Amino acid sequence: MGSEPSPRLPSAPPGMVTVSPRSQIEREKLTIRHMITIYCRSHHNPASGICGNCGSVLRYANERIDMCPYNGSVKPACGLCRTNCFTPEMHHRFSEIMRYAGPRMVLRHPVLTVAHIWDAVRGRRR
């Protein structure tokens, strides 16, 4: 019984994205980054990564998530939140990105998609 070390989980193969037990905030930022990347690559076709406009949307989203009044408690999904952190223009841009990238996330990042849906369901119960 004593103080036995906990077993280490095997690391993922190179190139495979894993979702470790990280905070909901970190998971939300990762999900948004992937959604913006999916949208940008399809609509703007940048040489690498994401274009400048989509990069500014990503920075804006990360700043707003960092300043979220629900950090440290159970955070609702942004779409279900009663607090308006985003300007109307940015809200419209995010809606457009999420409408396009959301269905594609199921195939490209299924674990993040399930975690996002779980967070949304959990947020509705509160």
C-alpha atoms as a PDB file:
ATOM      1  CA  MET A   1       0.000   0.000   0.000  1.00  0.00           C
ATOM      2  CA  GLY A   2       2.546   2.709   0.889  1.00  0.00           C
ATOM      3  CA  SER A   3       3.494   5.365  -1.568  1.00  0.00           C
ATOM      4  CA  GLU A   4       3.808   3.388  -4.781  1.00  0.00           C
ATOM      5  CA  PRO A   5       4.444   5.464  -7.888  1.00  0.00           C
ATOM      6  CA  SER A   6       1.494   5.702 -10.226  1.00  0.00           C
ATOM      7  CA  PRO A   7       1.932   3.870 -13.536  1.00  0.00           C
ATOM      8  CA  ARG A   8       2.985   6.014 -16.474  1.00  0.00           C
ATOM      9  CA  LEU A   9       0.787   6.065 -19.518  1.00  0.00           C
ATOM     10  CA  PRO A  10       2.488   5.164 -22.797  1.00  0.00           C
ATOM     11  CA  SER A  11       3.219   8.111 -25.051  1.00  0.00           C
ATOM     12  CA  ALA A  12       1.356   8.478 -28.326  1.00  0.00           C
ATOM     13  CA  PRO A  13       3.024   7.631 -31.631  1.00  0.00           C
ATOM     14  CA  PRO A  14       4.679  10.569 -33.423  1.00  0.00           C
ATOM     15  CA  GLY A  15       2.185  12.751 -35.272  1.00  0.00           C
ATOM     16  CA  MET A  16      -0.819  11.537 -33.292  1.00  0.00           C
ATOM     17  CA  VAL A  17      -2.746  14.191 -31.373  1.00  0.00           C
ATOM     18  CA  THR A  18      -3.658  13.173 -27.850  1.00  0.00           C
ATOM     19  CA  VAL A  19      -6.052  14.798 -25.462  1.00  0.00           C
ATOM     20  CA  SER A  20      -4.606  14.573 -22.000  1.00  0.00           C
ATOM     21  CA  PRO A  21      -6.600  15.392 -18.903  1.00  0.00           C
ATOM     22  CA  ARG A  22      -6.080  19.118 -19.283  1.00  0.00           C
ATOM     23  CA  SER A  23      -8.229  21.961 -18.153  1.00  0.00           C
ATOM     24  CA  GLN A  24     -11.438  22.783 -19.945  1.00  0.00           C
ATOM     25  CA  ILE A  25      -9.978  26.164 -20.913  1.00  0.00           C
ATOM     26  CA  GLU A  26      -6.956  24.586 -22.615  1.00  0.00           C
ATOM     27  CA  ARG A  27      -9.221  22.093 -24.378  1.00  0.00           C
ATOM     28  CA  GLU A  28     -11.496  24.881 -25.583  1.00  0.00           C
ATOM     29  CA  LYS A  29      -8.553  26.860 -26.967  1.00  0.00           C
ATOM     30  CA  LEU A  30      -7.265  23.768 -28.767  1.00  0.00           C
ATOM     31  CA  THR A  31     -10.705  23.059 -30.224  1.00  0.00           C
ATOM     32  CA  ILE A  32     -11.063  26.643 -31.471  1.00  0.00           C
ATOM     33  CA  ARG A  33      -7.583  26.547 -33.001  1.00  0.00           C
ATOM     34  CA  HIS A  34      -8.423  23.356 -34.906  1.00  0.00           C
ATOM     35  CA  MET A  35     -11.777  24.751 -36.068  1.00  0.00           C
ATOM     36  CA  ILE A  36     -10.196  27.957 -37.361  1.00  0.00           C
ATOM     37  CA  THR A  37      -7.468  25.950 -39.106  1.00  0.00           C
ATOM     38  CA  ILE A  38     -10.044  23.735 -40.852  1.00  0.00           C
ATOM     39  CA  TYR A  39     -12.012  26.792 -41.972  1.00  0.00           C
ATOM     40  CA  CYS A  40      -8.972  28.790 -43.099  1.00  0.00           C
ATOM     41  CA  ARG A  41      -7.373  25.985 -45.096  1.00  0.00           C
ATOM     42  CA  SER A  42     -10.605  25.446 -46.978  1.00  0.00           C
ATOM     43  CA  HIS A  43     -11.596  29.074 -47.559  1.00  0.00           C
ATOM     44  CA  HIS A  44      -8.300  30.977 -47.721  1.00  0.00           C
ATOM     45  CA  ASN A  45      -5.777  28.272 -48.698  1.00  0.00           C
ATOM     46  CA  PRO A  46      -2.727  29.723 -46.894  1.00  0.00           C
ATOM     47  CA  ALA A  47       0.723  28.391 -47.739  1.00  0.00           C
ATOM     48  CA  SER A  48       1.138  27.127 -44.176  1.00  0.00           C
ATOM     49  CA  GLY A  49      -0.836  27.381 -40.957  1.00  0.00           C
ATOM     50  CA  ILE A  50      -3.557  30.015 -41.063  1.00  0.00           C
ATOM     51  CA  CYS A  51      -3.853  33.390 -42.788  1.00  0.00           C
ATOM     52  CA  GLY A  52      -3.499  36.744 -41.029  1.00  0.00           C
ATOM     53  CA  ASN A  53      -7.261  37.362 -40.740  1.00  0.00           C
ATOM     54  CA  CYS A  54      -7.899  33.959 -39.190  1.00  0.00           C
ATOM     55  CA  GLY A  55      -4.845  34.441 -36.954  1.00  0.00           C
ATOM     56  CA  SER A  56      -6.378  37.641 -35.601  1.00  0.00           C
ATOM     57  CA  VAL A  57      -9.657  35.800 -34.932  1.00  0.00           C
ATOM     58  CA  LEU A  58      -7.738  33.102 -33.058  1.00  0.00           C
ATOM     59  CA  ARG A  59      -5.837  35.662 -30.968  1.00  0.00           C
ATOM     60  CA  TYR A  60      -9.088  37.468 -30.167  1.00  0.00           C
ATOM     61  CA  ALA A  61     -10.745  34.211 -29.084  1.00  0.00           C
ATOM     62  CA  ASN A  62      -7.805  33.234 -26.875  1.00  0.00           C
ATOM     63  CA  GLU A  63      -7.783  36.664 -25.213  1.00  0.00           C
ATOM     64  CA  ARG A  64     -11.508  36.427 -24.517  1.00  0.00           C
ATOM     65  CA  ILE A  65     -11.231  32.910 -23.144  1.00  0.00           C
ATOM     66  CA  ASP A  66      -8.378  33.994 -20.869  1.00  0.00           C
ATOM     67  CA  MET A  67     -10.566  36.805 -19.499  1.00  0.00           C
ATOM     68  CA  CYS A  68     -13.662  34.601 -19.084  1.00  0.00           C
ATOM     69  CA  PRO A  69     -15.441  35.303 -15.785  1.00  0.00           C
ATOM     70  CA  TYR A  70     -16.114  31.569 -15.421  1.00  0.00           C
ATOM     71  CA  ASN A  71     -12.429  30.536 -15.353  1.00  0.00           C
ATOM     72  CA  GLY A  72     -11.836  28.504 -12.239  1.00  0.00           C
ATOM     73  CA  SER A  73     -15.414  27.223 -12.106  1.00  0.00           C
ATOM     74  CA  VAL A  74     -17.481  25.058 -14.407  1.00  0.00           C
ATOM     75  CA  LYS A  75     -17.344  27.044 -17.623  1.00  0.00           C
ATOM     76  CA  PRO A  76     -20.278  26.752 -20.012  1.00  0.00           C
ATOM     77  CA  ALA A  77     -19.615  26.346 -23.716  1.00  0.00           C
ATOM     78  CA  CYS A  78     -19.318  29.820 -25.254  1.00  0.00           C
ATOM     79  CA  GLY A  79     -22.424  29.265 -27.381  1.00  0.00           C
ATOM     80  CA  LEU A  80     -24.501  28.631 -24.250  1.00  0.00           C
ATOM     81  CA  CYS A  81     -22.999  31.359 -22.098  1.00  0.00           C
ATOM     82  CA  ARG A  82     -25.143  34.268 -20.883  1.00  0.00           C
ATOM     83  CA  THR A  83     -22.153  36.638 -20.789  1.00  0.00           C
ATOM     84  CA  ASN A  84     -21.379  38.295 -24.140  1.00  0.00           C
ATOM     85  CA  CYS A  85     -17.580  38.258 -24.348  1.00  0.00           C
ATOM     86  CA  PHE A  86     -17.443  38.656 -28.126  1.00  0.00           C
ATOM     87  CA  THR A  87     -18.347  41.746 -30.129  1.00  0.00           C
ATOM     88  CA  PRO A  88     -21.293  41.245 -32.522  1.00  0.00           C
ATOM     89  CA  GLU A  89     -18.907  41.253 -35.519  1.00  0.00           C
ATOM     90  CA  MET A  90     -16.654  38.600 -33.991  1.00  0.00           C
ATOM     91  CA  HIS A  91     -19.651  36.565 -32.876  1.00  0.00           C
ATOM     92  CA  HIS A  92     -20.828  36.529 -36.506  1.00  0.00           C
ATOM     93  CA  ARG A  93     -17.360  35.478 -37.727  1.00  0.00           C
ATOM     94  CA  PHE A  94     -17.184  32.687 -35.153  1.00  0.00           C
ATOM     95  CA  SER A  95     -20.640  31.451 -36.078  1.00  0.00           C
ATOM     96  CA  GLU A  96     -19.553  31.218 -39.707  1.00  0.00           C
ATOM     97  CA  ILE A  97     -16.367  29.346 -38.779  1.00  0.00           C
ATOM     98  CA  MET A  98     -18.149  26.952 -36.431  1.00  0.00           C
ATOM     99  CA  ARG A  99     -20.959  26.200 -38.910  1.00  0.00           C
ATOM    100  CA  TYR A 100     -18.350  25.123 -41.440  1.00  0.00           C
ATOM    101  CA  ALA A 101     -15.757  23.445 -39.222  1.00  0.00           C
ATOM    102  CA  GLY A 102     -18.046  21.853 -36.622  1.00  0.00           C
ATOM    103  CA  PRO A 103     -19.231  18.912 -38.749  1.00  0.00           C
ATOM    104  CA  ARG A 104     -15.687  18.344 -40.046  1.00  0.00           C
ATOM    105  CA  MET A 105     -14.291  18.195 -36.502  1.00  0.00           C
ATOM    106  CA  VAL A 106     -16.159  14.915 -35.953  1.00  0.00           C
ATOM    107  CA  LEU A 107     -13.881  13.157 -38.443  1.00  0.00           C
ATOM    108  CA  ARG A 108     -10.644  15.097 -37.921  1.00  0.00           C
ATOM    109  CA  HIS A 109     -10.651  15.491 -34.135  1.00  0.00           C
ATOM    110  CA  PRO A 110     -13.294  13.140 -32.695  1.00  0.00           C
ATOM    111  CA  VAL A 111     -11.997  13.190 -29.099  1.00  0.00           C
ATOM    112  CA  LEU A 112     -12.032  16.995 -28.941  1.00  0.00           C
ATOM    113  CA  THR A 113     -15.495  16.989 -30.509  1.00  0.00           C
ATOM    114  CA  VAL A 114     -16.867  14.613 -27.887  1.00  0.00           C
ATOM    115  CA  ALA A 115     -15.236  16.652 -25.106  1.00  0.00           C
ATOM    116  CA  HIS A 116     -16.771  19.855 -26.510  1.00  0.00           C
ATOM    117  CA  ILE A 117     -20.218  18.254 -26.717  1.00  0.00           C
ATOM    118  CA  TRP A 118     -19.825  16.929 -23.173  1.00  0.00           C
ATOM    119  CA  ASP A 119     -18.918  20.409 -21.915  1.00  0.00           C
ATOM    120  CA  ALA A 120     -21.995  21.827 -23.679  1.00  0.00           C
ATOM    121  CA  VAL A 121     -24.317  19.188 -22.191  1.00  0.00           C
ATOM    122  CA  ARG A 122     -22.809  19.651 -18.744  1.00  0.00           C
ATOM    123  CA  GLY A 123     -23.218  23.427 -19.066  1.00  0.00           C
ATOM    124  CA  ARG A 124     -26.913  23.102 -19.962  1.00  0.00           C
ATOM    125  CA  ARG A 125     -27.585  21.098 -16.818  1.00  0.00           C
ATOM    126  CA  ARG A 126     -26.393  23.926 -14.596  1.00  0.00           C
END
